[in-house]
N, C-alpha and C. Protein backbone atom coordinates (compact mmCIF):
# COMPACT_ATOMS: atom_id res chain seq x y z
N UNK A 1 -14.50 -0.81 -9.22
CA UNK A 1 -14.44 -0.71 -8.12
C UNK A 1 -12.87 0.28 -7.80
N UNK A 2 -11.73 -0.41 -9.10
CA UNK A 2 -10.40 0.29 -8.83
C UNK A 2 -9.85 -0.30 -9.89
N UNK A 3 -9.02 1.15 -10.33
CA UNK A 3 -8.07 0.67 -11.14
C UNK A 3 -6.71 1.05 -11.02
N UNK A 4 -5.76 0.12 -11.99
CA UNK A 4 -4.20 0.68 -11.75
C UNK A 4 -3.84 1.32 -12.40
N UNK A 5 -3.46 2.45 -11.98
CA UNK A 5 -2.66 2.72 -12.82
C UNK A 5 -1.12 3.97 -12.05
N UNK A 6 -0.18 4.08 -12.94
CA UNK A 6 1.05 4.44 -13.27
C UNK A 6 1.81 5.69 -12.87
N UNK A 7 1.46 6.36 -11.86
CA UNK A 7 1.44 7.94 -12.14
C UNK A 7 3.49 8.53 -11.89
N UNK A 8 2.38 8.79 -13.18
CA UNK A 8 3.86 9.38 -14.19
C UNK A 8 4.33 11.11 -14.37
N UNK A 9 3.57 11.53 -13.27
CA UNK A 9 4.67 12.81 -12.85
C UNK A 9 5.45 12.58 -11.89
N UNK A 10 6.06 13.85 -11.89
CA UNK A 10 7.33 13.92 -10.59
C UNK A 10 6.84 14.27 -9.69
N UNK A 11 7.64 13.99 -8.64
CA UNK A 11 7.12 14.38 -7.18
C UNK A 11 7.54 13.44 -6.17
N UNK A 12 6.66 13.61 -4.96
CA UNK A 12 7.22 13.19 -3.33
C UNK A 12 7.69 11.72 -4.33
N UNK A 13 6.73 10.36 -4.79
CA UNK A 13 6.96 9.71 -4.68
C UNK A 13 6.61 9.90 -6.77
N UNK A 14 6.99 9.70 -7.74
CA UNK A 14 6.95 9.86 -8.61
C UNK A 14 7.15 6.81 -9.06
N UNK A 15 7.93 6.81 -8.64
CA UNK A 15 7.55 5.52 -9.39
C UNK A 15 6.45 4.58 -8.55
N UNK A 16 5.35 5.04 -8.04
CA UNK A 16 4.82 4.31 -6.71
C UNK A 16 3.61 3.27 -8.27
N UNK A 17 3.45 2.56 -7.21
CA UNK A 17 2.22 1.35 -7.95
C UNK A 17 0.53 2.27 -8.00
N UNK A 18 -0.17 3.24 -8.61
CA UNK A 18 -1.52 3.48 -8.37
C UNK A 18 -2.77 3.29 -8.07
N UNK A 19 -3.00 2.51 -7.34
CA UNK A 19 -4.91 2.30 -7.50
C UNK A 19 -5.61 3.12 -7.31
N UNK A 20 -6.43 3.37 -7.38
CA UNK A 20 -8.32 4.50 -7.18
C UNK A 20 -9.66 2.94 -7.15
N UNK A 21 -9.40 3.59 -5.74
CA UNK A 21 -10.80 3.28 -5.03
C UNK A 21 -11.67 4.29 -5.03
N UNK A 22 -12.79 3.86 -5.04
CA UNK A 22 -15.13 5.22 -5.01
C UNK A 22 -14.96 4.70 -3.65
N UNK A 23 -14.42 4.81 -3.56
CA UNK A 23 -13.69 5.43 -1.34
C UNK A 23 -13.59 6.22 -0.87
N UNK A 24 -14.20 7.27 -0.68
CA UNK A 24 -14.02 7.87 0.80
C UNK A 24 -12.15 7.78 1.69
N UNK A 25 -11.64 8.08 1.88
CA UNK A 25 -10.57 7.81 2.23
C UNK A 25 -10.00 7.05 4.30
N UNK A 26 -11.41 8.40 4.66
CA UNK A 26 -11.50 7.45 5.92
C UNK A 26 -12.40 5.46 5.81
N UNK A 27 -13.20 5.54 5.17
CA UNK A 27 -13.33 4.47 5.08
C UNK A 27 -13.01 3.27 4.16
N UNK A 28 -11.54 3.34 3.21
CA UNK A 28 -10.85 3.20 3.16
C UNK A 28 -9.62 2.37 4.13
N UNK A 29 -9.08 3.87 5.13
CA UNK A 29 -8.83 3.76 5.60
C UNK A 29 -9.33 2.64 7.18
N UNK A 30 -9.87 1.45 7.60
CA UNK A 30 -11.20 1.42 7.82
C UNK A 30 -11.21 0.07 7.86
N UNK A 31 -11.80 -0.01 5.84
CA UNK A 31 -11.23 -1.59 6.47
C UNK A 31 -9.18 -2.13 5.98
N UNK A 32 -8.93 -0.90 5.21
CA UNK A 32 -7.22 -1.69 5.57
C UNK A 32 -7.02 -1.96 6.97
N UNK A 33 -7.59 -1.37 8.03
CA UNK A 33 -7.43 -1.38 9.95
C UNK A 33 -7.84 -2.74 9.83
N UNK A 34 -9.33 -3.19 9.80
CA UNK A 34 -9.48 -4.17 9.92
C UNK A 34 -9.27 -5.09 9.26
N UNK A 35 -9.11 -5.06 8.07
CA UNK A 35 -7.95 -6.00 7.39
C UNK A 35 -7.12 -6.82 8.44
N UNK A 36 -6.25 -5.66 8.35
CA UNK A 36 -4.78 -6.26 9.60
C UNK A 36 -5.17 -6.59 10.20
N UNK A 37 -6.52 -6.65 11.83
CA UNK A 37 -6.58 -6.82 12.49
C UNK A 37 -6.58 -8.87 12.37
N UNK A 38 -7.41 -8.80 11.45
CA UNK A 38 -7.96 -10.36 10.76
C UNK A 38 -6.58 -10.91 11.14
N UNK A 39 -5.96 -9.60 10.10
CA UNK A 39 -4.65 -10.94 9.48
C UNK A 39 -4.02 -10.53 10.32
N UNK A 40 -3.41 -10.29 11.67
CA UNK A 40 -1.89 -10.03 12.21
C UNK A 40 -0.90 -10.75 12.14
N UNK A 41 -0.91 -11.95 10.87
CA UNK A 41 0.84 -12.27 10.52
C UNK A 41 1.31 -10.83 9.27
N UNK A 42 0.28 -10.21 9.02
CA UNK A 42 1.04 -8.66 8.25
C UNK A 42 1.07 -7.79 9.42
N UNK A 43 0.93 -8.14 10.16
CA UNK A 43 1.89 -6.65 11.55
C UNK A 43 3.00 -6.57 11.29
N UNK A 44 3.55 -5.39 11.10
CA UNK A 44 5.22 -5.30 11.01
C UNK A 44 5.50 -5.02 12.40
N UNK A 45 6.23 -6.61 13.06
CA UNK A 45 6.59 -6.55 14.03
C UNK A 45 8.16 -6.02 14.88
N UNK A 46 7.86 -4.26 13.88
CA UNK A 46 9.19 -3.74 14.32
C UNK A 46 8.50 -2.42 14.34
N UNK A 47 9.10 -1.58 14.83
CA UNK A 47 8.24 0.32 15.53
C UNK A 47 8.28 0.39 13.93
N UNK A 48 7.20 0.82 13.10
CA UNK A 48 6.67 1.42 11.65
C UNK A 48 5.16 0.49 12.25
N UNK A 49 4.88 2.18 12.07
CA UNK A 49 3.90 3.10 12.84
C UNK A 49 2.49 3.54 11.58
N UNK A 50 1.31 2.74 11.12
CA UNK A 50 1.03 3.24 10.47
C UNK A 50 0.30 4.63 10.74
N UNK A 51 0.16 5.21 9.79
CA UNK A 51 -0.75 7.20 9.94
C UNK A 51 0.25 7.30 9.43
N UNK A 52 -0.69 8.68 9.72
CA UNK A 52 1.07 10.69 8.64
C UNK A 52 1.83 11.24 10.65
N UNK A 53 2.75 11.17 9.34
CA UNK A 53 3.92 11.59 10.06
C UNK A 53 3.69 12.79 10.93
N UNK A 54 2.41 13.42 10.47
CA UNK A 54 2.12 14.86 11.41
C UNK A 54 1.38 15.55 10.79
N UNK A 55 0.38 16.92 11.77
CA UNK A 55 -1.16 17.08 10.95
C UNK A 55 -0.70 17.61 9.36
N UNK A 56 0.28 17.69 8.79
CA UNK A 56 -0.04 18.33 7.68
C UNK A 56 0.40 17.52 6.77
N UNK A 57 0.13 15.77 6.91
CA UNK A 57 0.99 15.22 6.31
C UNK A 57 -0.08 14.62 5.26
N UNK A 58 -0.02 14.62 4.38
CA UNK A 58 -0.60 14.84 2.65
C UNK A 58 -0.93 13.16 2.89
N UNK A 59 -0.37 12.20 2.53
CA UNK A 59 -0.17 10.80 3.01
C UNK A 59 -0.25 10.35 4.16
N UNK A 60 -1.56 8.94 4.54
CA UNK A 60 -1.08 8.17 4.86
C UNK A 60 -0.72 6.73 5.09
N UNK A 61 0.54 6.26 5.65
CA UNK A 61 1.34 5.19 5.29
C UNK A 61 0.87 4.97 6.06
N UNK A 62 1.44 3.62 5.65
CA UNK A 62 0.96 1.83 5.39
C UNK A 62 1.62 0.78 5.20
N UNK A 63 2.02 -0.14 7.19
CA UNK A 63 3.17 -0.79 5.79
C UNK A 63 2.32 -2.84 6.36
N UNK A 64 2.50 -3.13 5.80
CA UNK A 64 2.20 -4.71 6.26
C UNK A 64 3.57 -5.16 5.65
N UNK A 65 3.61 -6.67 6.89
CA UNK A 65 4.87 -7.44 6.80
C UNK A 65 4.69 -8.84 6.38
N UNK A 66 4.78 -9.53 5.16
CA UNK A 66 4.48 -10.78 4.08
C UNK A 66 5.35 -11.59 5.23
N UNK A 67 5.39 -12.48 5.73
CA UNK A 67 6.89 -13.56 6.73
C UNK A 67 7.12 -14.27 5.67
N UNK A 68 6.77 -14.56 4.55
CA UNK A 68 7.20 -15.64 4.22
C UNK A 68 7.81 -15.36 2.73
N UNK A 69 8.29 -14.11 2.29
CA UNK A 69 8.92 -13.53 1.84
C UNK A 69 10.01 -12.53 3.09
N UNK A 70 9.49 -12.59 4.24
CA UNK A 70 10.25 -11.87 4.41
C UNK A 70 10.47 -10.11 4.36
N UNK A 71 9.45 -9.74 3.87
CA UNK A 71 9.29 -7.94 3.31
C UNK A 71 8.64 -7.38 3.83
N UNK A 72 8.66 -6.53 3.74
CA UNK A 72 7.75 -5.45 4.25
C UNK A 72 7.76 -4.18 3.23
N UNK A 73 6.13 -4.60 2.88
CA UNK A 73 5.45 -3.08 1.90
C UNK A 73 5.19 -2.14 2.21
N UNK A 74 5.43 -0.94 1.62
CA UNK A 74 5.13 0.28 2.44
C UNK A 74 4.49 0.63 1.74
N UNK A 75 3.35 1.49 1.79
CA UNK A 75 1.90 1.58 0.75
C UNK A 75 1.43 3.02 0.86
N UNK A 76 0.41 3.59 0.90
CA UNK A 76 -0.46 4.57 1.42
C UNK A 76 -1.32 5.00 0.77
N UNK A 77 -1.70 6.23 1.41
CA UNK A 77 -3.39 6.54 0.79
C UNK A 77 -3.25 7.80 0.80
N UNK A 78 -4.13 8.17 0.36
CA UNK A 78 -4.97 9.97 0.08
C UNK A 78 -6.23 9.88 -1.10
N UNK A 79 -6.63 11.05 -0.80
CA UNK A 79 -7.91 11.38 -1.33
C UNK A 79 -7.49 12.09 -2.42
N UNK A 80 -7.91 11.63 -3.08
CA UNK A 80 -8.06 11.71 -4.71
C UNK A 80 -9.18 13.01 -5.73
N UNK A 81 -10.61 12.41 -4.36
CA UNK A 81 -11.60 13.57 -4.87
C UNK A 81 -12.49 13.17 -3.92
N UNK A 82 -13.38 13.62 -4.01
CA UNK A 82 -14.38 14.19 -2.55
C UNK A 82 -14.17 12.72 -2.55
N UNK A 83 -15.21 11.12 -3.37
CA UNK A 83 -15.14 10.17 -2.49
C UNK A 83 -14.45 9.08 -2.87
N UNK A 84 -13.42 9.03 -3.43
CA UNK A 84 -12.56 8.74 -4.05
C UNK A 84 -11.27 8.15 -3.10
N UNK A 85 -10.24 7.18 -3.49
CA UNK A 85 -8.87 7.23 -2.79
C UNK A 85 -7.41 6.51 -4.00
N UNK A 86 -7.07 7.16 -4.05
CA UNK A 86 -5.51 7.04 -3.94
C UNK A 86 -5.40 5.81 -2.84
N UNK A 87 -4.78 4.48 -3.68
CA UNK A 87 -3.86 3.46 -3.23
C UNK A 87 -2.62 3.05 -3.06
N UNK A 88 -1.68 3.39 -2.79
CA UNK A 88 0.19 3.12 -3.31
C UNK A 88 1.01 2.04 -3.26
N UNK A 89 0.72 1.62 -4.19
CA UNK A 89 2.18 0.35 -3.02
C UNK A 89 3.33 1.44 -3.37
N UNK A 90 4.36 1.82 -3.00
CA UNK A 90 5.62 2.13 -2.83
C UNK A 90 7.09 1.66 -2.84
N UNK A 91 7.27 1.13 -1.75
CA UNK A 91 8.74 0.33 -1.60
C UNK A 91 8.67 -0.76 -0.95
N UNK A 92 9.38 -2.17 -0.77
CA UNK A 92 9.62 -2.57 -0.30
C UNK A 92 10.75 -3.10 0.08
N UNK A 93 11.05 -3.54 1.29
CA UNK A 93 12.66 -3.62 2.50
C UNK A 93 11.95 -5.02 3.24
N UNK A 94 13.65 -5.80 2.34
CA UNK A 94 13.86 -6.53 2.66
C UNK A 94 14.24 -7.07 4.16
N UNK A 95 13.70 -7.92 4.66
CA UNK A 95 14.01 -7.96 5.77
C UNK A 95 13.63 -7.21 7.65
N UNK A 96 13.23 -7.30 8.49
CA UNK A 96 13.23 -6.63 9.84
C UNK A 96 14.06 -5.47 9.79
N UNK A 97 14.82 -5.44 10.00
CA UNK A 97 16.76 -3.95 9.95
C UNK A 97 15.81 -3.45 8.53
N UNK A 98 15.41 -2.13 9.01
CA UNK A 98 15.05 -1.04 7.81
C UNK A 98 15.94 -0.43 7.18
N UNK A 99 16.12 0.08 6.06
CA UNK A 99 17.43 0.44 4.86
C UNK A 99 17.38 -0.61 3.93
N UNK A 100 16.92 -1.15 3.52
CA UNK A 100 16.89 -2.46 1.82
C UNK A 100 15.83 -1.58 1.50
N UNK A 101 15.39 -0.67 1.65
CA UNK A 101 14.24 -0.59 1.39
C UNK A 101 14.46 -0.21 -1.12
N UNK A 102 13.40 -1.01 -1.66
CA UNK A 102 14.12 -0.09 -3.28
C UNK A 102 12.65 -0.53 -3.40
N UNK A 103 12.77 1.35 -4.26
CA UNK A 103 11.54 1.48 -4.73
C UNK A 103 11.10 0.99 -6.28
N UNK A 104 9.51 0.34 -6.26
CA UNK A 104 8.07 -0.50 -6.56
C UNK A 104 8.93 0.55 -8.00
N UNK A 105 8.61 -0.23 -9.70
CA UNK A 105 8.84 0.46 -10.51
C UNK A 105 10.51 1.18 -11.15
N UNK A 106 11.24 0.88 -9.82
CA UNK A 106 12.29 1.72 -10.11
C UNK A 106 13.91 0.66 -9.82
N UNK A 107 13.80 0.23 -8.55
CA UNK A 107 14.71 -0.22 -8.26
C UNK A 107 14.70 -1.98 -8.38
N UNK A 108 13.66 -2.58 -9.57
CA UNK A 108 13.65 -3.88 -9.10
C UNK A 108 13.11 -4.09 -11.37
N UNK A 109 13.86 -5.06 -11.67
CA UNK A 109 13.84 -5.54 -13.10
C UNK A 109 12.36 -5.27 -13.85
N UNK A 110 11.83 -5.25 -14.38
CA UNK A 110 10.56 -5.74 -15.59
C UNK A 110 9.79 -6.98 -14.41
N UNK A 111 10.34 -7.76 -14.75
CA UNK A 111 9.63 -9.07 -14.21
C UNK A 111 9.60 -9.11 -12.82
N UNK A 112 10.81 -8.20 -12.48
CA UNK A 112 10.55 -8.50 -10.46
C UNK A 112 9.20 -7.64 -9.80
N UNK A 113 9.41 -6.36 -10.93
CA UNK A 113 8.44 -5.81 -10.64
C UNK A 113 6.36 -6.81 -10.68
N UNK A 114 7.15 -7.39 -12.21
CA UNK A 114 5.62 -7.46 -12.94
C UNK A 114 5.34 -8.96 -11.32
N UNK A 115 6.31 -9.41 -11.06
CA UNK A 115 6.09 -10.35 -10.19
C UNK A 115 5.30 -9.82 -8.73
N UNK A 116 6.21 -8.60 -7.81
CA UNK A 116 6.08 -8.39 -7.14
C UNK A 116 4.45 -8.38 -6.96
N UNK A 117 4.00 -6.52 -7.61
CA UNK A 117 3.14 -6.49 -7.56
C UNK A 117 2.05 -7.75 -7.79
N UNK A 118 2.00 -8.79 -8.58
CA UNK A 118 0.90 -9.18 -8.89
C UNK A 118 0.77 -10.03 -7.10
N UNK A 119 2.08 -10.06 -6.61
CA UNK A 119 1.82 -10.78 -5.90
C UNK A 119 1.76 -10.16 -4.39
N UNK A 120 0.84 -8.46 -4.60
CA UNK A 120 0.80 -8.10 -3.94
C UNK A 120 -0.50 -8.47 -4.15
N UNK A 121 -0.55 -7.69 -4.85
CA UNK A 121 -2.56 -8.16 -5.42
C UNK A 121 -3.40 -8.93 -5.19
N UNK A 122 -2.52 -10.53 -5.01
CA UNK A 122 -2.56 -11.35 -4.01
C UNK A 122 -3.32 -11.48 -2.81
N UNK A 123 -2.24 -11.33 -2.43
CA UNK A 123 -2.22 -10.85 -0.55
C UNK A 123 -2.76 -10.15 0.25
N UNK A 124 -2.78 -8.98 -0.65
CA UNK A 124 -2.91 -7.96 0.24
C UNK A 124 -4.07 -6.67 -1.10
N UNK A 125 -3.97 -6.66 -1.62
CA UNK A 125 -5.14 -5.57 -2.57
C UNK A 125 -6.75 -6.28 -2.95
N UNK A 126 -6.08 -7.29 -3.33
CA UNK A 126 -7.48 -8.48 -3.67
C UNK A 126 -8.31 -8.54 -2.45
N UNK A 127 -8.11 -8.44 -1.49
CA UNK A 127 -8.67 -9.22 0.18
C UNK A 127 -9.49 -7.49 0.17
N UNK A 128 -8.67 -6.41 -0.10
CA UNK A 128 -9.33 -4.86 0.18
C UNK A 128 -10.00 -4.69 -0.18
N UNK A 129 -9.62 -4.86 -1.74
CA UNK A 129 -10.76 -4.84 -3.14
C UNK A 129 -12.01 -5.40 -2.30
N UNK A 130 -12.26 -7.29 -2.12
CA UNK A 130 -13.22 -7.61 -2.00
C UNK A 130 -13.91 -7.23 -0.40
N UNK A 131 -13.48 -6.90 0.52
CA UNK A 131 -13.99 -6.39 1.82
C UNK A 131 -14.84 -4.47 1.28
N UNK A 132 -13.93 -4.44 0.99
CA UNK A 132 -14.77 -2.16 0.00
C UNK A 132 -16.11 -3.26 -1.27
N UNK A 133 -16.26 -4.05 -1.82
CA UNK A 133 -17.24 -4.82 -2.17
C UNK A 133 -17.93 -5.61 -2.11
N UNK A 134 -17.93 -5.73 0.07
CA UNK A 134 -18.91 -5.91 0.45
C UNK A 134 -19.77 -4.84 1.29
N UNK A 135 -19.02 -3.45 1.34
CA UNK A 135 -19.63 -3.05 1.88
C UNK A 135 -20.98 -2.33 1.11
N UNK A 136 -20.56 -2.36 -0.36
CA UNK A 136 -21.43 -1.09 -1.53
C UNK A 136 -22.21 -2.58 -1.38
């Protein structure tokens, strides 16, 4: 269904933790939107909107808020092949005041990274994966 891979090549987001889903981007975005609508507590209560910055933006930016840890998770999607989509965990902002972003796989210790990725998987990624499985 999906596999995890660390993006090693330099570029706009060189430290992201990426996950590949065997689903077109449009379907994945619909699943994520429905997931967030079903879990309003994951909506960011400040002005951070999901979407592309403009029509030429390659990434669809998505934000999740976790009240328990008071963290905003910054993620994105992009098509990787015809019916595959990359979903990436990019950074975490501590609190609702923007400007406290830390990049995953860069600004955290190895142990912190592991805990953050496991937590993200448990509260967000596993639910998205389950919805994709139900779709197939």
